[in-house]
Structure formats: structure tokens, C-alpha cells
Amino acid sequence: MRVQAFLVFLVTLCASVRAVQPPPVAHIEGTTRLTSFGPDGSVVAQQEPNNFCLWISECKWAVRLYGNTNLPNGITDVSCDGTNLYVFVPDAGGTHLVRGSPTPFAQSGSVYPGRIKVFPMEMGPIWWAYCSSCVIERDGPIFDFMDLTLGRPQSRSTVNVRLVETNKTAHRIGAVGACLLADDSAPLAYLQPVDLRDTEGLTLLTSCKVLIYSTTDAPKQMPQVRYEYLITVKDFGLKADGGPFVPAITKPALVSDYRAPMSGQYLTDHWLSAEERRAALRTPVAEETMHMPRVKFQKIALFLLIVLPLAGVGFARLLRARKARNKTN
């Protein structure tokens, strides 16, 4: 009986160990290439391919964008840990005023609440193609993550998504074909899968195009493609260790924090938790950067308190003078 009990315990322990193991992280290396078109459909410009790396695990993801790595700020990390979004530039340094004195920092970052925001340049197409499955699951309105409605007469913060098929499958990496539409059903952008490959038990989107249409065309005209992002996967693999879903701050950094209830900047050597952030807001260092809007409001209020009474006095004198002239007339 003791042996049987021990075997049952051992099997249960092994099963629990397997259960707590984190899911594998998919690692992708690829390129994006931007092509611009004129009103007649001719190619106006075509950029050289930009390299990127991507880590995905369920609703967590991280993208490393490579610019000119021979220059400062050539690398930008954009990631999501399932709760917050991070943008981190490991080589963006400078100085920041603390109590009136310039204080140096060597890295810069931003943190946003949620899992979606405006993703500029090639980050928007990359996010849509590989990181959006936990946000875009069905047809309906979605936050305008590429600012596609910016040039339209009625700019809105949401667009409508229409999927070709379900976008959340356990054995697929990469989005399905989908279209983003304005409120008047005019097409704004289209994600077109180009190539799929079965690898390591998964269906991988190895190539796709994101077509962005002109936002100034008349509703009755055929939409014209203005930009095309071609995304191509060069390498793929599964890793057992976790990905860089929260960028590592290794040097003094200036962080712009947009989480509620108040946004602002502070110097730090790590990403602050909610409790640390509340404490940082109460420090004199934070007062200089976190409450600038409040200081401006106080100055405006003080100005109005001084000017309005004087204006009222002047207006009263003007009325009395007008009454006096009316009596003499």
C-alpha cells in the first residue's frame, strides 16, 4: 500500500510540474519593406527592408525593431506582458531636470495600460499580423491602432474589422485575412496572407502584405492603395525560456508613464509597480514632472483671478460713464 501511495504521489507531482511549466515562446526573425504608390498606382518609393525580431507566447509578445544600428537609438523594443504595453529605447540618453538641476539618464521608455494603442510605422502592420489574436477575435469595432482615420473628414478613434475566418486558433501563428473599414464601410487597410508553412506542429504565417488605402478618395471612387508593407519571416523556432515581454532597464532611465490616474515622467532604474508609482507621485522629484499640467492650470487660474476683477471694474466704469452721458443728453 505504501508503494502504491508513493507511486500515486509521484505521478501527481510529475503532472503538477508539467502543468506549471510556461508555454513555449515562438521566436521569429523577419523583415518589413514599405512601398509607396502614387494616385495612378505607380511605385513612388520603395524602402530597404527593415529587420525585426518577435517573441510570442499566448497574449504576451515582444518586438525588437532595428533601425540604423550604427547610430544611437537604432533599436526600439515594443512589448506587452498581457497587462501593460512598453516602448523602450535602450540607447536613448540625455538629461532631465530634477529640482532645477540637469540629471543624466542613459535609457528611455514608456508604459501604457492595456493591450492596444497606436503603433506607428511598421509596428502597426507587425502587431496586426502577429500580435493581435488576443484583441481581434471577431468582427466589430476596434481601436484605430494605425491612425487610419486621421486624414478623413470625420476622424474617429475606432475602426471596424472584418475577418475572413476566426483569428484565434491554438495551432496558428499569424493573423488571417482581414479588412479594416471606416464607418461608411470604405476600406482603410487590408491584411493579405501571402504564404503559410507548417512547422513544428504549427501553421506559421511566413509572408503577408498590409495594404493601406488612401483616406482622401471620394466614397464612390475605387479605393487606391497608397502604402504596402510586405512582411517576410526569415527564421522561426520555439524556445522554452520566457521572452523579453517586459524590457530590462539596465541603466538610469527616463520613463513616461501613461497609466491612470495620472500620467507623467520620472527617473528610475526599473519599471515601477502600481504601489511604487503612487509613492513616486508623492516625491519632490515627481512633483516637477508629474504635475506640470496642474502647475500650468494654477498659473492660468491665478491670471484669471487677477484679470477678471480688473476687467469687471473697467466694465462697470464704462457703464456708469454711458449712463452719465445718456442723462446729459
C-alpha atoms as a PDB file:
ATOM      1  CA  MET A   1       0.000   0.000   0.000  1.00  0.00           C
ATOM      2  CA  ARG A   2       2.814   2.358   0.838  1.00  0.00           C
ATOM      3  CA  VAL A   3       4.473   1.683  -2.514  1.00  0.00           C
ATOM      4  CA  GLN A   4       1.222   2.308  -4.362  1.00  0.00           C
ATOM      5  CA  ALA A   5       0.636   5.509  -2.419  1.00  0.00           C
ATOM      6  CA  PHE A   6       4.161   6.660  -3.203  1.00  0.00           C
ATOM      7  CA  LEU A   7       3.674   5.929  -6.926  1.00  0.00           C
ATOM      8  CA  VAL A   8       0.403   7.860  -6.940  1.00  0.00           C
ATOM      9  CA  PHE A   9       2.137  10.781  -5.222  1.00  0.00           C
ATOM     10  CA  LEU A  10       4.994  10.670  -7.727  1.00  0.00           C
ATOM     11  CA  VAL A  11       2.651  10.641 -10.728  1.00  0.00           C
ATOM     12  CA  THR A  12       0.664  13.541  -9.267  1.00  0.00           C
ATOM     13  CA  LEU A  13       3.855  15.501  -8.609  1.00  0.00           C
ATOM     14  CA  CYS A  14       5.100  14.989 -12.177  1.00  0.00           C
ATOM     15  CA  ALA A  15       1.741  16.049 -13.585  1.00  0.00           C
ATOM     16  CA  SER A  16       1.762  19.207 -11.469  1.00  0.00           C
ATOM     17  CA  VAL A  17       5.297  20.048 -12.602  1.00  0.00           C
ATOM     18  CA  ARG A  18       4.229  19.700 -16.207  1.00  0.00           C
ATOM     19  CA  ALA A  19       1.165  21.830 -15.529  1.00  0.00           C
ATOM     20  CA  VAL A  20       3.150  24.792 -14.159  1.00  0.00           C
ATOM     21  CA  GLN A  21       5.648  24.817 -16.989  1.00  0.00           C
ATOM     22  CA  PRO A  22       5.261  28.001 -19.020  1.00  0.00           C
ATOM     23  CA  PRO A  23       4.053  27.665 -22.597  1.00  0.00           C
ATOM     24  CA  PRO A  24       6.777  27.723 -25.255  1.00  0.00           C
ATOM     25  CA  VAL A  25       7.767  31.043 -26.745  1.00  0.00           C
ATOM     26  CA  ALA A  26       7.720  31.390 -30.521  1.00  0.00           C
ATOM     27  CA  HIS A  27      10.686  33.349 -31.838  1.00  0.00           C
ATOM     28  CA  ILE A  28      10.560  34.957 -35.278  1.00  0.00           C
ATOM     29  CA  GLU A  29      13.134  36.915 -37.246  1.00  0.00           C
ATOM     30  CA  GLY A  30      11.945  38.779 -40.291  1.00  0.00           C
ATOM     31  CA  THR A  31      11.860  41.930 -42.371  1.00  0.00           C
ATOM     32  CA  THR A  32       9.375  44.620 -43.359  1.00  0.00           C
ATOM     33  CA  ARG A  33       9.540  46.570 -46.602  1.00  0.00           C
ATOM     34  CA  LEU A  34       7.494  49.689 -47.304  1.00  0.00           C
ATOM     35  CA  THR A  35       6.400  50.613 -50.839  1.00  0.00           C
ATOM     36  CA  SER A  36       4.598  53.887 -51.620  1.00  0.00           C
ATOM     37  CA  PHE A  37       2.268  54.321 -54.612  1.00  0.00           C
ATOM     38  CA  GLY A  38       1.092  57.374 -56.495  1.00  0.00           C
ATOM     39  CA  PRO A  39      -2.547  58.179 -57.402  1.00  0.00           C
ATOM     40  CA  ASP A  40      -2.150  56.298 -60.698  1.00  0.00           C
ATOM     41  CA  GLY A  41      -0.856  53.152 -58.965  1.00  0.00           C
ATOM     42  CA  SER A  42       2.779  53.634 -59.949  1.00  0.00           C
ATOM     43  CA  VAL A  43       5.556  52.974 -57.435  1.00  0.00           C
ATOM     44  CA  VAL A  44       6.775  56.264 -55.970  1.00  0.00           C
ATOM     45  CA  ALA A  45       9.318  54.929 -53.483  1.00  0.00           C
ATOM     46  CA  GLN A  46      10.454  51.635 -52.002  1.00  0.00           C
ATOM     47  CA  GLN A  47      12.482  51.483 -48.807  1.00  0.00           C
ATOM     48  CA  GLU A  48      15.183  48.993 -47.964  1.00  0.00           C
ATOM     49  CA  PRO A  49      13.906  46.105 -45.781  1.00  0.00           C
ATOM     50  CA  ASN A  50      13.972  46.719 -42.016  1.00  0.00           C
ATOM     51  CA  ASN A  51      14.834  43.825 -39.701  1.00  0.00           C
ATOM     52  CA  PHE A  52      12.798  42.838 -36.654  1.00  0.00           C
ATOM     53  CA  CYS A  53      12.669  40.096 -34.019  1.00  0.00           C
ATOM     54  CA  LEU A  54       9.461  38.864 -32.451  1.00  0.00           C
ATOM     55  CA  TRP A  55       8.627  36.747 -29.395  1.00  0.00           C
ATOM     56  CA  ILE A  56       5.067  35.434 -28.847  1.00  0.00           C
ATOM     57  CA  SER A  57       3.545  33.403 -26.018  1.00  0.00           C
ATOM     58  CA  GLU A  58      -0.261  33.382 -25.819  1.00  0.00           C
ATOM     59  CA  CYS A  59      -1.278  37.030 -25.182  1.00  0.00           C
ATOM     60  CA  LYS A  60       2.267  38.177 -24.435  1.00  0.00           C
ATOM     61  CA  TRP A  61       4.555  39.464 -27.154  1.00  0.00           C
ATOM     62  CA  ALA A  62       7.686  41.491 -27.742  1.00  0.00           C
ATOM     63  CA  VAL A  63       9.002  43.112 -30.921  1.00  0.00           C
ATOM     64  CA  ARG A  64      12.508  44.464 -31.440  1.00  0.00           C
ATOM     65  CA  LEU A  65      12.775  46.929 -34.313  1.00  0.00           C
ATOM     66  CA  TYR A  66      16.156  47.570 -35.863  1.00  0.00           C
ATOM     67  CA  GLY A  67      16.896  50.904 -37.485  1.00  0.00           C
ATOM     68  CA  ASN A  68      20.387  52.067 -38.315  1.00  0.00           C
ATOM     69  CA  THR A  69      22.327  50.206 -35.626  1.00  0.00           C
ATOM     70  CA  ASN A  70      25.408  52.369 -36.299  1.00  0.00           C
ATOM     71  CA  LEU A  71      23.581  55.331 -34.811  1.00  0.00           C
ATOM     72  CA  PRO A  72      22.239  55.934 -31.272  1.00  0.00           C
ATOM     73  CA  ASN A  73      18.602  54.953 -30.705  1.00  0.00           C
ATOM     74  CA  GLY A  74      18.849  52.423 -33.550  1.00  0.00           C
ATOM     75  CA  ILE A  75      16.953  49.761 -31.569  1.00  0.00           C
ATOM     76  CA  THR A  76      13.403  50.060 -30.218  1.00  0.00           C
ATOM     77  CA  ASP A  77      11.620  47.418 -28.134  1.00  0.00           C
ATOM     78  CA  VAL A  78       7.812  47.310 -28.099  1.00  0.00           C
ATOM     79  CA  SER A  79       6.173  44.662 -25.906  1.00  0.00           C
ATOM     80  CA  CYS A  80       3.133  43.581 -23.901  1.00  0.00           C
ATOM     81  CA  ASP A  81       3.075  41.425 -20.776  1.00  0.00           C
ATOM     82  CA  GLY A  82      -0.674  40.863 -21.064  1.00  0.00           C
ATOM     83  CA  THR A  83      -1.488  43.858 -18.846  1.00  0.00           C
ATOM     84  CA  ASN A  84       0.654  46.789 -19.937  1.00  0.00           C
ATOM     85  CA  LEU A  85       2.375  47.952 -23.107  1.00  0.00           C
ATOM     86  CA  TYR A  86       6.020  49.015 -23.099  1.00  0.00           C
ATOM     87  CA  VAL A  87       8.092  51.060 -25.539  1.00  0.00           C
ATOM     88  CA  PHE A  88      11.791  51.078 -24.715  1.00  0.00           C
ATOM     89  CA  VAL A  89      14.815  52.617 -26.427  1.00  0.00           C
ATOM     90  CA  PRO A  90      17.908  51.219 -24.678  1.00  0.00           C
ATOM     91  CA  ASP A  91      20.343  53.820 -26.070  1.00  0.00           C
ATOM     92  CA  ALA A  92      18.251  56.996 -25.802  1.00  0.00           C
ATOM     93  CA  GLY A  93      20.007  59.114 -23.176  1.00  0.00           C
ATOM     94  CA  GLY A  94      20.001  62.740 -22.174  1.00  0.00           C
ATOM     95  CA  THR A  95      19.369  64.944 -19.174  1.00  0.00           C
ATOM     96  CA  HIS A  96      16.231  65.600 -17.185  1.00  0.00           C
ATOM     97  CA  LEU A  97      15.612  68.471 -14.791  1.00  0.00           C
ATOM     98  CA  VAL A  98      15.298  67.317 -11.192  1.00  0.00           C
ATOM     99  CA  ARG A  99      14.830  70.145  -8.665  1.00  0.00           C
ATOM    100  CA  GLY A 100      16.162  72.508 -11.310  1.00  0.00           C
ATOM    101  CA  SER A 101      19.356  70.536 -11.924  1.00  0.00           C
ATOM    102  CA  PRO A 102      20.053  68.526 -15.113  1.00  0.00           C
ATOM    103  CA  THR A 103      20.247  64.846 -14.182  1.00  0.00           C
ATOM    104  CA  PRO A 104      21.628  62.391 -16.754  1.00  0.00           C
ATOM    105  CA  PHE A 105      19.821  59.256 -17.908  1.00  0.00           C
ATOM    106  CA  ALA A 106      21.005  56.589 -20.350  1.00  0.00           C
ATOM    107  CA  GLN A 107      17.761  54.899 -21.454  1.00  0.00           C
ATOM    108  CA  SER A 108      14.183  55.951 -22.242  1.00  0.00           C
ATOM    109  CA  GLY A 109      10.869  54.151 -22.079  1.00  0.00           C
ATOM    110  CA  SER A 110       7.110  54.491 -21.906  1.00  0.00           C
ATOM    111  CA  VAL A 111       4.427  52.333 -20.317  1.00  0.00           C
ATOM    112  CA  TYR A 112       0.747  52.298 -21.306  1.00  0.00           C
ATOM    113  CA  PRO A 113      -2.230  50.456 -19.827  1.00  0.00           C
ATOM    114  CA  GLY A 114      -3.942  47.702 -21.806  1.00  0.00           C
ATOM    115  CA  ARG A 115      -3.000  45.639 -24.839  1.00  0.00           C
ATOM    116  CA  ILE A 116      -3.590  48.022 -27.741  1.00  0.00           C
ATOM    117  CA  LYS A 117      -2.507  51.552 -28.642  1.00  0.00           C
ATOM    118  CA  VAL A 118      -1.454  53.487 -31.718  1.00  0.00           C
ATOM    119  CA  PHE A 119       1.500  51.642 -33.268  1.00  0.00           C
ATOM    120  CA  PRO A 120       3.318  53.939 -35.735  1.00  0.00           C
ATOM    121  CA  MET A 121       5.222  52.996 -38.879  1.00  0.00           C
ATOM    122  CA  GLU A 122       5.929  49.271 -39.431  1.00  0.00           C
ATOM    123  CA  MET A 123       4.978  48.380 -35.859  1.00  0.00           C
ATOM    124  CA  GLY A 124       1.279  48.652 -36.765  1.00  0.00           C
ATOM    125  CA  PRO A 125       1.404  46.018 -39.539  1.00  0.00           C
ATOM    126  CA  ILE A 126       3.642  43.725 -37.430  1.00  0.00           C
ATOM    127  CA  TRP A 127       1.252  43.925 -34.476  1.00  0.00           C
ATOM    128  CA  TRP A 128      -1.753  43.247 -36.702  1.00  0.00           C
ATOM    129  CA  ALA A 129      -0.095  40.283 -38.410  1.00  0.00           C
ATOM    130  CA  TYR A 130       1.352  38.514 -35.341  1.00  0.00           C
ATOM    131  CA  CYS A 131       0.316  40.076 -32.017  1.00  0.00           C
ATOM    132  CA  SER A 132      -3.395  40.868 -32.370  1.00  0.00           C
ATOM    133  CA  SER A 133      -5.070  37.475 -31.929  1.00  0.00           C
ATOM    134  CA  CYS A 134      -5.989  38.156 -28.278  1.00  0.00           C
ATOM    135  CA  VAL A 135      -7.521  41.540 -29.190  1.00  0.00           C
ATOM    136  CA  ILE A 136      -9.054  40.949 -32.633  1.00  0.00           C
ATOM    137  CA  GLU A 137     -11.150  37.787 -32.231  1.00  0.00           C
ATOM    138  CA  ARG A 138     -14.298  38.636 -34.181  1.00  0.00           C
ATOM    139  CA  ASP A 139     -15.897  41.223 -36.441  1.00  0.00           C
ATOM    140  CA  GLY A 140     -16.709  44.547 -34.864  1.00  0.00           C
ATOM    141  CA  PRO A 141     -15.265  47.885 -33.764  1.00  0.00           C
ATOM    142  CA  ILE A 142     -11.664  48.133 -32.646  1.00  0.00           C
ATOM    143  CA  PHE A 143      -9.347  50.918 -31.597  1.00  0.00           C
ATOM    144  CA  ASP A 144      -7.708  52.594 -34.609  1.00  0.00           C
ATOM    145  CA  PHE A 145      -4.228  51.225 -33.872  1.00  0.00           C
ATOM    146  CA  MET A 146      -2.653  52.637 -37.068  1.00  0.00           C
ATOM    147  CA  ASP A 147      -4.350  56.087 -37.080  1.00  0.00           C
ATOM    148  CA  LEU A 148      -6.041  55.200 -40.355  1.00  0.00           C
ATOM    149  CA  THR A 149      -8.902  57.682 -39.901  1.00  0.00           C
ATOM    150  CA  LEU A 150      -6.576  60.636 -39.281  1.00  0.00           C
ATOM    151  CA  GLY A 151      -6.974  62.071 -42.789  1.00  0.00           C
ATOM    152  CA  ARG A 152     -10.711  61.504 -43.106  1.00  0.00           C
ATOM    153  CA  PRO A 153     -13.273  64.305 -42.701  1.00  0.00           C
ATOM    154  CA  GLN A 154     -14.560  62.674 -39.503  1.00  0.00           C
ATOM    155  CA  SER A 155     -11.580  61.309 -37.622  1.00  0.00           C
ATOM    156  CA  ARG A 156     -12.532  58.654 -35.063  1.00  0.00           C
ATOM    157  CA  SER A 157     -10.659  56.538 -32.558  1.00  0.00           C
ATOM    158  CA  THR A 158     -12.238  53.270 -33.737  1.00  0.00           C
ATOM    159  CA  VAL A 159     -12.463  51.350 -36.987  1.00  0.00           C
ATOM    160  CA  ASN A 160     -14.431  48.249 -37.929  1.00  0.00           C
ATOM    161  CA  VAL A 161     -12.681  44.942 -38.501  1.00  0.00           C
ATOM    162  CA  ARG A 162     -13.999  42.195 -40.766  1.00  0.00           C
ATOM    163  CA  LEU A 163     -12.283  38.796 -40.593  1.00  0.00           C
ATOM    164  CA  VAL A 164     -12.140  36.153 -43.282  1.00  0.00           C
ATOM    165  CA  GLU A 165     -12.170  33.395 -40.621  1.00  0.00           C
ATOM    166  CA  THR A 166     -11.624  33.051 -36.879  1.00  0.00           C
ATOM    167  CA  ASN A 167      -8.444  34.802 -35.773  1.00  0.00           C
ATOM    168  CA  LYS A 168      -7.794  32.814 -32.595  1.00  0.00           C
ATOM    169  CA  THR A 169      -6.582  29.275 -33.218  1.00  0.00           C
ATOM    170  CA  ALA A 170      -4.278  27.354 -30.910  1.00  0.00           C
ATOM    171  CA  HIS A 171      -2.062  25.976 -33.667  1.00  0.00           C
ATOM    172  CA  ARG A 172      -1.582  29.069 -35.833  1.00  0.00           C
ATOM    173  CA  ILE A 173       0.916  31.906 -35.534  1.00  0.00           C
ATOM    174  CA  GLY A 174      -0.133  34.878 -37.610  1.00  0.00           C
ATOM    175  CA  ALA A 175      -3.427  36.565 -38.364  1.00  0.00           C
ATOM    176  CA  VAL A 176      -5.939  35.563 -41.003  1.00  0.00           C
ATOM    177  CA  GLY A 177      -7.004  37.831 -43.843  1.00  0.00           C
ATOM    178  CA  ALA A 178      -8.923  40.823 -42.552  1.00  0.00           C
ATOM    179  CA  CYS A 179     -10.069  44.291 -43.566  1.00  0.00           C
ATOM    180  CA  LEU A 180     -10.326  47.493 -41.547  1.00  0.00           C
ATOM    181  CA  LEU A 181     -13.270  49.678 -42.537  1.00  0.00           C
ATOM    182  CA  ALA A 182     -14.419  53.200 -41.774  1.00  0.00           C
ATOM    183  CA  ASP A 183     -17.927  53.936 -40.513  1.00  0.00           C
ATOM    184  CA  ASP A 184     -19.100  54.415 -44.103  1.00  0.00           C
ATOM    185  CA  SER A 185     -17.690  50.958 -44.988  1.00  0.00           C
ATOM    186  CA  ALA A 186     -14.846  52.487 -47.011  1.00  0.00           C
ATOM    187  CA  PRO A 187     -11.774  50.224 -46.803  1.00  0.00           C
ATOM    188  CA  LEU A 188      -8.879  51.635 -44.816  1.00  0.00           C
ATOM    189  CA  ALA A 189      -6.458  48.693 -44.725  1.00  0.00           C
ATOM    190  CA  TYR A 190      -6.313  45.041 -45.703  1.00  0.00           C
ATOM    191  CA  LEU A 191      -4.153  42.225 -44.337  1.00  0.00           C
ATOM    192  CA  GLN A 192      -3.475  39.724 -47.110  1.00  0.00           C
ATOM    193  CA  PRO A 193      -1.748  36.428 -46.208  1.00  0.00           C
ATOM    194  CA  VAL A 194       0.765  35.507 -48.908  1.00  0.00           C
ATOM    195  CA  ASP A 195       2.375  32.289 -47.670  1.00  0.00           C
ATOM    196  CA  LEU A 196       1.742  29.755 -44.896  1.00  0.00           C
ATOM    197  CA  ARG A 197       4.014  26.950 -43.719  1.00  0.00           C
ATOM    198  CA  ASP A 198       3.513  24.004 -41.375  1.00  0.00           C
ATOM    199  CA  THR A 199       6.420  23.754 -38.950  1.00  0.00           C
ATOM    200  CA  GLU A 200       6.860  22.190 -35.504  1.00  0.00           C
ATOM    201  CA  GLY A 201       3.178  21.302 -35.340  1.00  0.00           C
ATOM    202  CA  LEU A 202       2.082  24.872 -36.069  1.00  0.00           C
ATOM    203  CA  THR A 203       0.772  26.793 -39.045  1.00  0.00           C
ATOM    204  CA  LEU A 204       3.056  29.793 -39.483  1.00  0.00           C
ATOM    205  CA  LEU A 205       2.260  32.886 -41.494  1.00  0.00           C
ATOM    206  CA  THR A 206       5.604  33.292 -43.266  1.00  0.00           C
ATOM    207  CA  SER A 207       4.657  36.200 -45.518  1.00  0.00           C
ATOM    208  CA  CYS A 208       1.855  38.741 -45.735  1.00  0.00           C
ATOM    209  CA  LYS A 209       1.021  42.169 -47.087  1.00  0.00           C
ATOM    210  CA  VAL A 210      -0.669  45.016 -45.260  1.00  0.00           C
ATOM    211  CA  LEU A 211      -2.248  47.388 -47.773  1.00  0.00           C
ATOM    212  CA  ILE A 212      -3.180  50.884 -46.607  1.00  0.00           C
ATOM    213  CA  TYR A 213      -5.668  52.764 -48.766  1.00  0.00           C
ATOM    214  CA  SER A 214      -5.958  56.464 -49.392  1.00  0.00           C
ATOM    215  CA  THR A 215      -8.234  58.230 -46.902  1.00  0.00           C
ATOM    216  CA  THR A 216      -8.943  61.182 -49.204  1.00  0.00           C
ATOM    217  CA  ASP A 217     -10.630  59.341 -52.077  1.00  0.00           C
ATOM    218  CA  ALA A 218     -14.269  60.135 -52.727  1.00  0.00           C
ATOM    219  CA  PRO A 219     -16.665  57.457 -51.380  1.00  0.00           C
ATOM    220  CA  LYS A 220     -17.833  56.448 -54.877  1.00  0.00           C
ATOM    221  CA  GLN A 221     -14.325  56.066 -56.275  1.00  0.00           C
ATOM    222  CA  MET A 222     -12.382  52.833 -56.222  1.00  0.00           C
ATOM    223  CA  PRO A 223     -10.017  52.895 -53.213  1.00  0.00           C
ATOM    224  CA  GLN A 224      -6.383  53.386 -54.124  1.00  0.00           C
ATOM    225  CA  VAL A 225      -3.521  51.634 -52.335  1.00  0.00           C
ATOM    226  CA  ARG A 226      -1.113  54.254 -51.022  1.00  0.00           C
ATOM    227  CA  TYR A 227       1.233  52.085 -48.947  1.00  0.00           C
ATOM    228  CA  GLU A 228       2.150  48.418 -48.886  1.00  0.00           C
ATOM    229  CA  TYR A 229       4.027  46.736 -46.059  1.00  0.00           C
ATOM    230  CA  LEU A 230       5.499  43.364 -47.048  1.00  0.00           C
ATOM    231  CA  ILE A 231       6.340  41.243 -44.002  1.00  0.00           C
ATOM    232  CA  THR A 232       8.598  38.236 -44.553  1.00  0.00           C
ATOM    233  CA  VAL A 233       9.713  35.655 -41.965  1.00  0.00           C
ATOM    234  CA  LYS A 234      13.367  34.633 -42.278  1.00  0.00           C
ATOM    235  CA  ASP A 235      13.728  32.319 -39.264  1.00  0.00           C
ATOM    236  CA  PHE A 236      11.409  30.623 -36.769  1.00  0.00           C
ATOM    237  CA  GLY A 237      11.806  28.489 -33.663  1.00  0.00           C
ATOM    238  CA  LEU A 238      10.268  27.557 -30.315  1.00  0.00           C
ATOM    239  CA  LYS A 239      12.068  28.392 -27.080  1.00  0.00           C
ATOM    240  CA  ALA A 240      11.404  27.050 -23.593  1.00  0.00           C
ATOM    241  CA  ASP A 241      12.568  30.186 -21.775  1.00  0.00           C
ATOM    242  CA  GLY A 242      10.403  33.272 -21.463  1.00  0.00           C
ATOM    243  CA  GLY A 243      10.627  36.188 -23.842  1.00  0.00           C
ATOM    244  CA  PRO A 244      11.508  39.826 -23.096  1.00  0.00           C
ATOM    245  CA  PHE A 245       7.884  40.797 -22.547  1.00  0.00           C
ATOM    246  CA  VAL A 246       8.971  43.435 -20.025  1.00  0.00           C
ATOM    247  CA  PRO A 247      12.085  45.228 -21.331  1.00  0.00           C
ATOM    248  CA  ALA A 248      15.060  45.153 -18.991  1.00  0.00           C
ATOM    249  CA  ILE A 249      16.134  48.543 -17.642  1.00  0.00           C
ATOM    250  CA  THR A 250      19.878  48.227 -17.051  1.00  0.00           C
ATOM    251  CA  LYS A 251      20.817  51.898 -16.592  1.00  0.00           C
ATOM    252  CA  PRO A 252      19.142  55.023 -15.194  1.00  0.00           C
ATOM    253  CA  ALA A 253      16.103  55.595 -17.411  1.00  0.00           C
ATOM    254  CA  LEU A 254      13.554  58.320 -18.043  1.00  0.00           C
ATOM    255  CA  VAL A 255      10.104  56.704 -18.092  1.00  0.00           C
ATOM    256  CA  SER A 256       6.908  58.287 -19.385  1.00  0.00           C
ATOM    257  CA  ASP A 257       4.079  56.589 -17.512  1.00  0.00           C
ATOM    258  CA  TYR A 258       0.575  56.840 -19.020  1.00  0.00           C
ATOM    259  CA  ARG A 259      -1.250  54.597 -16.567  1.00  0.00           C
ATOM    260  CA  ALA A 260      -4.154  56.027 -14.595  1.00  0.00           C
ATOM    261  CA  PRO A 261      -4.899  58.035 -12.605  1.00  0.00           C
ATOM    262  CA  MET A 262      -2.151  60.483 -13.626  1.00  0.00           C
ATOM    263  CA  SER A 263       0.452  60.395 -16.387  1.00  0.00           C
ATOM    264  CA  GLY A 264       3.917  61.871 -16.225  1.00  0.00           C
ATOM    265  CA  GLN A 265       7.656  61.225 -16.193  1.00  0.00           C
ATOM    266  CA  TYR A 266      10.174  60.045 -13.627  1.00  0.00           C
ATOM    267  CA  LEU A 267      13.721  58.742 -13.417  1.00  0.00           C
ATOM    268  CA  THR A 268      14.066  55.120 -12.336  1.00  0.00           C
ATOM    269  CA  ASP A 269      16.244  52.014 -12.565  1.00  0.00           C
ATOM    270  CA  HIS A 270      13.276  49.631 -13.008  1.00  0.00           C
ATOM    271  CA  TRP A 271       9.653  49.596 -14.131  1.00  0.00           C
ATOM    272  CA  LEU A 272       7.530  50.756 -11.206  1.00  0.00           C
ATOM    273  CA  SER A 273       4.656  48.726  -9.842  1.00  0.00           C
ATOM    274  CA  ALA A 274       1.340  50.398  -9.037  1.00  0.00           C
ATOM    275  CA  GLU A 275       2.369  50.871  -5.383  1.00  0.00           C
ATOM    276  CA  GLU A 276       5.799  52.248  -6.292  1.00  0.00           C
ATOM    277  CA  ARG A 277       4.251  54.554  -8.831  1.00  0.00           C
ATOM    278  CA  ARG A 278       1.839  56.007  -6.275  1.00  0.00           C
ATOM    279  CA  ALA A 279       4.786  56.617  -3.958  1.00  0.00           C
ATOM    280  CA  ALA A 280       6.809  58.205  -6.763  1.00  0.00           C
ATOM    281  CA  LEU A 281       3.996  60.650  -7.472  1.00  0.00           C
ATOM    282  CA  ARG A 282       4.296  61.975  -3.936  1.00  0.00           C
ATOM    283  CA  THR A 283       8.063  62.629  -4.099  1.00  0.00           C
ATOM    284  CA  PRO A 284       9.505  66.097  -4.814  1.00  0.00           C
ATOM    285  CA  VAL A 285      11.252  64.701  -7.893  1.00  0.00           C
ATOM    286  CA  ALA A 286       7.969  63.558  -9.319  1.00  0.00           C
ATOM    287  CA  GLU A 287       6.298  66.864  -8.467  1.00  0.00           C
ATOM    288  CA  GLU A 288       8.441  68.627 -11.066  1.00  0.00           C
ATOM    289  CA  THR A 289       7.443  66.336 -13.914  1.00  0.00           C
ATOM    290  CA  MET A 290       4.206  64.618 -12.969  1.00  0.00           C
ATOM    291  CA  HIS A 291       2.252  67.753 -12.076  1.00  0.00           C
ATOM    292  CA  MET A 292       3.282  70.156 -14.827  1.00  0.00           C
ATOM    293  CA  PRO A 293      -0.293  70.339 -16.191  1.00  0.00           C
ATOM    294  CA  ARG A 294      -1.518  71.221 -12.694  1.00  0.00           C
ATOM    295  CA  VAL A 295       1.111  73.982 -12.369  1.00  0.00           C
ATOM    296  CA  LYS A 296       0.045  75.438 -15.713  1.00  0.00           C
ATOM    297  CA  PHE A 297      -3.596  75.296 -14.620  1.00  0.00           C
ATOM    298  CA  GLN A 298      -2.744  77.077 -11.377  1.00  0.00           C
ATOM    299  CA  LYS A 299      -0.961  79.841 -13.292  1.00  0.00           C
ATOM    300  CA  ILE A 300      -3.938  80.243 -15.621  1.00  0.00           C
ATOM    301  CA  ALA A 301      -6.347  80.323 -12.680  1.00  0.00           C
ATOM    302  CA  LEU A 302      -4.203  82.941 -10.912  1.00  0.00           C
ATOM    303  CA  PHE A 303      -4.109  85.022 -14.091  1.00  0.00           C
ATOM    304  CA  LEU A 304      -7.892  84.866 -14.415  1.00  0.00           C
ATOM    305  CA  LEU A 305      -8.376  85.777 -10.760  1.00  0.00           C
ATOM    306  CA  ILE A 306      -6.301  88.919 -11.300  1.00  0.00           C
ATOM    307  CA  VAL A 307      -7.547  89.918 -14.738  1.00  0.00           C
ATOM    308  CA  LEU A 308     -11.276  89.212 -14.410  1.00  0.00           C
ATOM    309  CA  PRO A 309     -11.886  91.524 -11.423  1.00  0.00           C
ATOM    310  CA  LEU A 310      -9.966  94.317 -13.162  1.00  0.00           C
ATOM    311  CA  ALA A 311     -11.971  93.743 -16.312  1.00  0.00           C
ATOM    312  CA  GLY A 312     -15.156  93.831 -14.249  1.00  0.00           C
ATOM    313  CA  VAL A 313     -14.164  97.137 -12.667  1.00  0.00           C
ATOM    314  CA  GLY A 314     -13.393  98.611 -16.068  1.00  0.00           C
ATOM    315  CA  PHE A 315     -16.688  97.384 -17.474  1.00  0.00           C
ATOM    316  CA  ALA A 316     -18.594  98.890 -14.529  1.00  0.00           C
ATOM    317  CA  ARG A 317     -16.907 102.258 -15.051  1.00  0.00           C
ATOM    318  CA  LEU A 318     -17.788 102.115 -18.730  1.00  0.00           C
ATOM    319  CA  LEU A 319     -21.475 101.505 -17.881  1.00  0.00           C
ATOM    320  CA  ARG A 320     -21.533 104.402 -15.403  1.00  0.00           C
ATOM    321  CA  ALA A 321     -19.954 106.722 -17.964  1.00  0.00           C
ATOM    322  CA  ARG A 322     -22.501 105.698 -20.591  1.00  0.00           C
ATOM    323  CA  LYS A 323     -25.395 106.285 -18.162  1.00  0.00           C
ATOM    324  CA  ALA A 324     -23.974 109.689 -17.314  1.00  0.00           C
ATOM    325  CA  ARG A 325     -23.830 110.643 -20.998  1.00  0.00           C
ATOM    326  CA  ASN A 326     -27.377 109.459 -21.518  1.00  0.00           C
ATOM    327  CA  LYS A 327     -28.601 111.707 -18.670  1.00  0.00           C
ATOM    328  CA  THR A 328     -26.834 114.775 -20.040  1.00  0.00           C
ATOM    329  CA  ASN A 329     -28.314 114.133 -23.473  1.00  0.00           C
END
